[in-house]
Amino acid sequence: MLPVRAVSITALQLQSNGVWKARPGCRVLIIDGGALRFDYPQDWILHAGADSVCLVAPDLPERPTVLAASVKRISMPASMIPLELYMREIAEFDPRVLADVGGDFVRVRRPPLEAGWVESHLTDPRDGREISKRICFARAGCTRALIAFQSWLEDRARMDAVWETVLDTLAVGDYLEDIATGRRREKRG
């Protein structure tokens, strides 16, 4: 078993002459020097876990909305496995993750990025309210990311914009020499 590496958080000011900018009202999350990058709402609260990062919407304490992300390097043969198989693997590990899938596997292709996500609806056993859960696998080259997004179904319309921003700005395997400017260290993947 590989040792778990703790995720560290460092806040940097993006340089005005940098390669990319955050969308209005957003910050840029960069994990592991560019292994995973996307924009998220600037007022969300960031927490680092043992092997993942969690973002929590601050204005809904009674109805927490959470976005979690993790990333790992994979072997070349593993990078050829269809993303749908990763979804099945997760479903076998925890069937609740993909219970009552509300739609098809939605693909996102922006070479070299390949991503796909599904949405499921669950019932909270404590109060019977519906939860919307989205799981996204994304990869480029030998880097794979997992993003999970959970909110109350009644907040779905409001949270769709957050999900769309994450997917629209998603980059995987875009390793950077200088995070503040976006200067690249190596070829993507």
C-alpha atoms as a PDB file:
ATOM      1  CA  MET A   1       0.000   0.000   0.000  1.00  0.00           C
ATOM      2  CA  LEU A   2       1.322   3.424  -0.945  1.00  0.00           C
ATOM      3  CA  PRO A   3       1.780   5.977   1.831  1.00  0.00           C
ATOM      4  CA  VAL A   4      -0.856   8.706   1.976  1.00  0.00           C
ATOM      5  CA  ARG A   5       0.582  12.139   1.293  1.00  0.00           C
ATOM      6  CA  ALA A   6      -1.037  15.027   3.133  1.00  0.00           C
ATOM      7  CA  VAL A   7      -2.505  17.782   1.001  1.00  0.00           C
ATOM      8  CA  SER A   8      -1.167  21.221   1.822  1.00  0.00           C
ATOM      9  CA  ILE A   9      -2.847  24.548   1.109  1.00  0.00           C
ATOM     10  CA  THR A  10      -0.955  27.647   0.039  1.00  0.00           C
ATOM     11  CA  ALA A  11      -2.752  30.821  -0.977  1.00  0.00           C
ATOM     12  CA  LEU A  12      -0.980  32.729  -3.738  1.00  0.00           C
ATOM     13  CA  GLN A  13      -1.855  35.952  -5.475  1.00  0.00           C
ATOM     14  CA  LEU A  14      -2.043  35.331  -9.217  1.00  0.00           C
ATOM     15  CA  GLN A  15       0.225  37.676 -11.114  1.00  0.00           C
ATOM     16  CA  SER A  16      -1.520  40.108 -13.429  1.00  0.00           C
ATOM     17  CA  ASN A  17       0.734  39.052 -16.312  1.00  0.00           C
ATOM     18  CA  GLY A  18       0.057  35.355 -15.716  1.00  0.00           C
ATOM     19  CA  VAL A  19      -1.132  32.822 -18.280  1.00  0.00           C
ATOM     20  CA  TRP A  20      -4.643  32.395 -16.864  1.00  0.00           C
ATOM     21  CA  LYS A  21      -7.096  34.323 -14.745  1.00  0.00           C
ATOM     22  CA  ALA A  22      -9.885  33.289 -12.410  1.00  0.00           C
ATOM     23  CA  ARG A  23     -13.421  33.939 -13.600  1.00  0.00           C
ATOM     24  CA  PRO A  24     -15.152  36.917 -11.975  1.00  0.00           C
ATOM     25  CA  GLY A  25     -16.202  35.998  -8.430  1.00  0.00           C
ATOM     26  CA  CYS A  26     -13.928  32.947  -8.393  1.00  0.00           C
ATOM     27  CA  ARG A  27     -10.573  31.709  -7.190  1.00  0.00           C
ATOM     28  CA  VAL A  28      -8.392  29.106  -8.855  1.00  0.00           C
ATOM     29  CA  LEU A  29      -7.740  25.821  -7.051  1.00  0.00           C
ATOM     30  CA  ILE A  30      -4.453  24.186  -8.041  1.00  0.00           C
ATOM     31  CA  ILE A  31      -3.583  20.795  -6.576  1.00  0.00           C
ATOM     32  CA  ASP A  32      -0.132  19.215  -6.758  1.00  0.00           C
ATOM     33  CA  GLY A  33       1.539  21.830  -8.952  1.00  0.00           C
ATOM     34  CA  GLY A  34      -1.099  21.682 -11.673  1.00  0.00           C
ATOM     35  CA  ALA A  35      -2.140  18.030 -11.545  1.00  0.00           C
ATOM     36  CA  LEU A  36      -5.671  19.403 -11.081  1.00  0.00           C
ATOM     37  CA  ARG A  37      -6.936  22.933 -11.590  1.00  0.00           C
ATOM     38  CA  PHE A  38     -10.376  24.575 -11.685  1.00  0.00           C
ATOM     39  CA  ASP A  39     -12.193  27.734 -10.607  1.00  0.00           C
ATOM     40  CA  TYR A  40     -14.518  27.797  -7.600  1.00  0.00           C
ATOM     41  CA  PRO A  41     -16.585  30.533  -5.862  1.00  0.00           C
ATOM     42  CA  GLN A  42     -14.269  32.896  -3.991  1.00  0.00           C
ATOM     43  CA  ASP A  43     -16.312  32.804  -0.773  1.00  0.00           C
ATOM     44  CA  TRP A  44     -16.267  29.014  -0.420  1.00  0.00           C
ATOM     45  CA  ILE A  45     -14.264  27.619   2.496  1.00  0.00           C
ATOM     46  CA  LEU A  46     -11.308  25.388   1.644  1.00  0.00           C
ATOM     47  CA  HIS A  47     -10.297  22.400   3.798  1.00  0.00           C
ATOM     48  CA  ALA A  48      -7.362  20.053   3.147  1.00  0.00           C
ATOM     49  CA  GLY A  49      -7.765  16.407   4.042  1.00  0.00           C
ATOM     50  CA  ALA A  50      -5.276  13.549   4.091  1.00  0.00           C
ATOM     51  CA  ASP A  51      -5.555  12.956   0.350  1.00  0.00           C
ATOM     52  CA  SER A  52      -8.180  15.382  -0.916  1.00  0.00           C
ATOM     53  CA  VAL A  53      -9.407  18.952  -0.802  1.00  0.00           C
ATOM     54  CA  CYS A  54     -12.952  19.934   0.212  1.00  0.00           C
ATOM     55  CA  LEU A  55     -14.723  23.164  -0.646  1.00  0.00           C
ATOM     56  CA  VAL A  56     -17.815  24.117   1.361  1.00  0.00           C
ATOM     57  CA  ALA A  57     -20.387  26.787   0.511  1.00  0.00           C
ATOM     58  CA  PRO A  58     -20.362  29.263   3.421  1.00  0.00           C
ATOM     59  CA  ASP A  59     -23.927  30.556   3.241  1.00  0.00           C
ATOM     60  CA  LEU A  60     -25.778  27.297   3.744  1.00  0.00           C
ATOM     61  CA  PRO A  61     -24.675  25.966   7.158  1.00  0.00           C
ATOM     62  CA  GLU A  62     -27.962  24.144   7.698  1.00  0.00           C
ATOM     63  CA  ARG A  63     -27.744  22.695   4.175  1.00  0.00           C
ATOM     64  CA  PRO A  64     -24.077  21.997   3.504  1.00  0.00           C
ATOM     65  CA  THR A  65     -22.951  21.935  -0.102  1.00  0.00           C
ATOM     66  CA  VAL A  66     -19.599  20.212  -0.531  1.00  0.00           C
ATOM     67  CA  LEU A  67     -17.245  19.788  -3.466  1.00  0.00           C
ATOM     68  CA  ALA A  68     -14.341  17.374  -2.902  1.00  0.00           C
ATOM     69  CA  ALA A  69     -11.414  16.764  -5.236  1.00  0.00           C
ATOM     70  CA  SER A  70      -8.467  14.401  -5.318  1.00  0.00           C
ATOM     71  CA  VAL A  71      -5.828  13.569  -7.889  1.00  0.00           C
ATOM     72  CA  LYS A  72      -3.303  10.815  -8.515  1.00  0.00           C
ATOM     73  CA  ARG A  73      -0.759   9.732 -11.063  1.00  0.00           C
ATOM     74  CA  ILE A  74      -1.621   6.507 -12.870  1.00  0.00           C
ATOM     75  CA  SER A  75       0.301   4.100 -15.075  1.00  0.00           C
ATOM     76  CA  MET A  76       0.094   4.280 -18.858  1.00  0.00           C
ATOM     77  CA  PRO A  77      -1.999   1.062 -19.066  1.00  0.00           C
ATOM     78  CA  ALA A  78      -4.399   2.458 -16.437  1.00  0.00           C
ATOM     79  CA  SER A  79      -4.749   5.657 -18.467  1.00  0.00           C
ATOM     80  CA  MET A  80      -6.276   3.604 -21.293  1.00  0.00           C
ATOM     81  CA  ILE A  81      -9.143   2.212 -19.187  1.00  0.00           C
ATOM     82  CA  PRO A  82     -12.511   3.724 -20.199  1.00  0.00           C
ATOM     83  CA  LEU A  83     -13.800   6.235 -17.662  1.00  0.00           C
ATOM     84  CA  GLU A  84     -17.091   4.346 -17.382  1.00  0.00           C
ATOM     85  CA  LEU A  85     -15.182   1.429 -15.836  1.00  0.00           C
ATOM     86  CA  TYR A  86     -13.900   3.708 -13.072  1.00  0.00           C
ATOM     87  CA  MET A  87     -17.514   4.619 -12.340  1.00  0.00           C
ATOM     88  CA  ARG A  88     -18.430   0.944 -12.076  1.00  0.00           C
ATOM     89  CA  GLU A  89     -15.475   0.388  -9.749  1.00  0.00           C
ATOM     90  CA  ILE A  90     -16.719   3.138  -7.433  1.00  0.00           C
ATOM     91  CA  ALA A  91     -20.270   1.770  -7.577  1.00  0.00           C
ATOM     92  CA  GLU A  92     -19.003  -1.669  -6.525  1.00  0.00           C
ATOM     93  CA  PHE A  93     -17.033  -0.137  -3.643  1.00  0.00           C
ATOM     94  CA  ASP A  94     -19.964   2.000  -2.443  1.00  0.00           C
ATOM     95  CA  PRO A  95     -23.298   1.316  -4.216  1.00  0.00           C
ATOM     96  CA  ARG A  96     -24.885   4.423  -2.634  1.00  0.00           C
ATOM     97  CA  VAL A  97     -22.616   6.631  -4.749  1.00  0.00           C
ATOM     98  CA  LEU A  98     -24.429   5.812  -7.964  1.00  0.00           C
ATOM     99  CA  ALA A  99     -27.805   4.742  -6.626  1.00  0.00           C
ATOM    100  CA  ASP A 100     -30.726   6.024  -8.659  1.00  0.00           C
ATOM    101  CA  VAL A 101     -28.559   7.537 -11.375  1.00  0.00           C
ATOM    102  CA  GLY A 102     -30.688  10.229 -12.957  1.00  0.00           C
ATOM    103  CA  GLY A 103     -29.016  10.312 -16.338  1.00  0.00           C
ATOM    104  CA  ASP A 104     -26.388   9.031 -18.647  1.00  0.00           C
ATOM    105  CA  PHE A 105     -22.648   9.275 -18.359  1.00  0.00           C
ATOM    106  CA  VAL A 106     -21.963  12.829 -19.591  1.00  0.00           C
ATOM    107  CA  ARG A 107     -18.685  13.188 -21.478  1.00  0.00           C
ATOM    108  CA  VAL A 108     -16.441  16.234 -21.605  1.00  0.00           C
ATOM    109  CA  ARG A 109     -13.709  16.233 -24.249  1.00  0.00           C
ATOM    110  CA  ARG A 110     -11.200  19.045 -24.547  1.00  0.00           C
ATOM    111  CA  PRO A 111      -7.985  17.317 -25.606  1.00  0.00           C
ATOM    112  CA  PRO A 112      -5.884  16.379 -23.827  1.00  0.00           C
ATOM    113  CA  LEU A 113      -8.625  16.392 -21.153  1.00  0.00           C
ATOM    114  CA  GLU A 114     -11.102  13.537 -21.074  1.00  0.00           C
ATOM    115  CA  ALA A 115     -13.789  13.648 -18.400  1.00  0.00           C
ATOM    116  CA  GLY A 116     -17.154  12.151 -17.621  1.00  0.00           C
ATOM    117  CA  TRP A 117     -19.695  12.535 -14.871  1.00  0.00           C
ATOM    118  CA  VAL A 118     -22.955  11.131 -13.580  1.00  0.00           C
ATOM    119  CA  GLU A 119     -25.572  12.429 -11.203  1.00  0.00           C
ATOM    120  CA  SER A 120     -27.510  10.441  -8.649  1.00  0.00           C
ATOM    121  CA  HIS A 121     -30.207  11.325  -6.144  1.00  0.00           C
ATOM    122  CA  LEU A 122     -30.240   9.937  -2.638  1.00  0.00           C
ATOM    123  CA  THR A 123     -32.572  10.383   0.309  1.00  0.00           C
ATOM    124  CA  ASP A 124     -31.071  11.660   3.548  1.00  0.00           C
ATOM    125  CA  PRO A 125     -32.096   9.059   6.168  1.00  0.00           C
ATOM    126  CA  ARG A 126     -32.209  11.713   8.924  1.00  0.00           C
ATOM    127  CA  ASP A 127     -34.814  14.037   7.449  1.00  0.00           C
ATOM    128  CA  GLY A 128     -35.988  12.407   4.222  1.00  0.00           C
ATOM    129  CA  ARG A 129     -34.763  15.238   1.994  1.00  0.00           C
ATOM    130  CA  GLU A 130     -33.334  14.546  -1.448  1.00  0.00           C
ATOM    131  CA  ILE A 131     -29.600  14.937  -2.047  1.00  0.00           C
ATOM    132  CA  SER A 132     -28.042  15.541  -5.458  1.00  0.00           C
ATOM    133  CA  LYS A 133     -24.650  13.890  -5.851  1.00  0.00           C
ATOM    134  CA  ARG A 134     -22.387  14.254  -8.885  1.00  0.00           C
ATOM    135  CA  ILE A 135     -19.222  12.266  -9.490  1.00  0.00           C
ATOM    136  CA  CYS A 136     -16.710  13.259 -12.171  1.00  0.00           C
ATOM    137  CA  PHE A 137     -13.640  11.381 -13.357  1.00  0.00           C
ATOM    138  CA  ALA A 138     -11.195  13.396 -15.419  1.00  0.00           C
ATOM    139  CA  ARG A 139      -7.802  12.591 -16.850  1.00  0.00           C
ATOM    140  CA  ALA A 140      -5.080  13.747 -19.156  1.00  0.00           C
ATOM    141  CA  GLY A 141      -2.119  11.527 -19.876  1.00  0.00           C
ATOM    142  CA  CYS A 142      -1.136   9.699 -16.701  1.00  0.00           C
ATOM    143  CA  THR A 143      -2.951  11.983 -14.266  1.00  0.00           C
ATOM    144  CA  ARG A 144      -6.465  11.190 -13.032  1.00  0.00           C
ATOM    145  CA  ALA A 145      -8.775  13.314 -10.899  1.00  0.00           C
ATOM    146  CA  LEU A 146     -11.946  12.548  -8.996  1.00  0.00           C
ATOM    147  CA  ILE A 147     -14.409  15.326  -8.167  1.00  0.00           C
ATOM    148  CA  ALA A 148     -17.516  14.778  -6.041  1.00  0.00           C
ATOM    149  CA  PHE A 149     -20.210  17.423  -5.585  1.00  0.00           C
ATOM    150  CA  GLN A 150     -23.094  17.087  -3.159  1.00  0.00           C
ATOM    151  CA  SER A 151     -25.949  19.464  -2.376  1.00  0.00           C
ATOM    152  CA  TRP A 152     -29.597  19.342  -1.420  1.00  0.00           C
ATOM    153  CA  LEU A 153     -31.772  18.780  -4.467  1.00  0.00           C
ATOM    154  CA  GLU A 154     -33.726  21.954  -3.645  1.00  0.00           C
ATOM    155  CA  ASP A 155     -30.473  23.944  -4.137  1.00  0.00           C
ATOM    156  CA  ARG A 156     -29.673  22.264  -7.437  1.00  0.00           C
ATOM    157  CA  ALA A 157     -30.557  25.199  -9.713  1.00  0.00           C
ATOM    158  CA  ARG A 158     -28.236  27.472  -7.770  1.00  0.00           C
ATOM    159  CA  MET A 159     -25.448  24.899  -7.627  1.00  0.00           C
ATOM    160  CA  ASP A 160     -25.595  24.069 -11.351  1.00  0.00           C
ATOM    161  CA  ALA A 161     -23.647  27.276 -12.053  1.00  0.00           C
ATOM    162  CA  VAL A 162     -20.876  26.160  -9.672  1.00  0.00           C
ATOM    163  CA  TRP A 163     -20.693  22.725 -11.319  1.00  0.00           C
ATOM    164  CA  GLU A 164     -20.577  24.277 -14.797  1.00  0.00           C
ATOM    165  CA  THR A 165     -17.752  26.611 -13.739  1.00  0.00           C
ATOM    166  CA  VAL A 166     -15.755  23.683 -12.346  1.00  0.00           C
ATOM    167  CA  LEU A 167     -16.204  21.665 -15.546  1.00  0.00           C
ATOM    168  CA  ASP A 168     -15.580  24.622 -17.875  1.00  0.00           C
ATOM    169  CA  THR A 169     -12.299  25.527 -16.154  1.00  0.00           C
ATOM    170  CA  LEU A 170     -11.165  21.971 -15.384  1.00  0.00           C
ATOM    171  CA  ALA A 171      -7.576  21.108 -16.326  1.00  0.00           C
ATOM    172  CA  VAL A 172      -5.794  17.868 -15.422  1.00  0.00           C
ATOM    173  CA  GLY A 173      -2.090  17.096 -15.777  1.00  0.00           C
ATOM    174  CA  ASP A 174      -1.145  20.696 -16.600  1.00  0.00           C
ATOM    175  CA  TYR A 175       1.952  20.807 -14.400  1.00  0.00           C
ATOM    176  CA  LEU A 176       3.317  24.260 -13.694  1.00  0.00           C
ATOM    177  CA  GLU A 177       6.797  25.556 -12.984  1.00  0.00           C
ATOM    178  CA  ASP A 178       5.428  28.737 -11.428  1.00  0.00           C
ATOM    179  CA  ILE A 179       1.902  28.491 -10.048  1.00  0.00           C
ATOM    180  CA  ALA A 180       1.473  32.261  -9.700  1.00  0.00           C
ATOM    181  CA  THR A 181       2.160  32.914 -13.400  1.00  0.00           C
ATOM    182  CA  GLY A 182       0.993  29.620 -14.896  1.00  0.00           C
ATOM    183  CA  ARG A 183       4.335  28.969 -16.621  1.00  0.00           C
ATOM    184  CA  ARG A 184       4.484  25.276 -17.529  1.00  0.00           C
ATOM    185  CA  ARG A 185       7.086  22.849 -16.225  1.00  0.00           C
ATOM    186  CA  GLU A 186       6.408  19.876 -18.454  1.00  0.00           C
ATOM    187  CA  LYS A 187       4.109  18.615 -21.143  1.00  0.00           C
ATOM    188  CA  ARG A 188       0.521  18.065 -20.033  1.00  0.00           C
ATOM    189  CA  GLY A 189      -0.438  14.636 -18.771  1.00  0.00           C
END
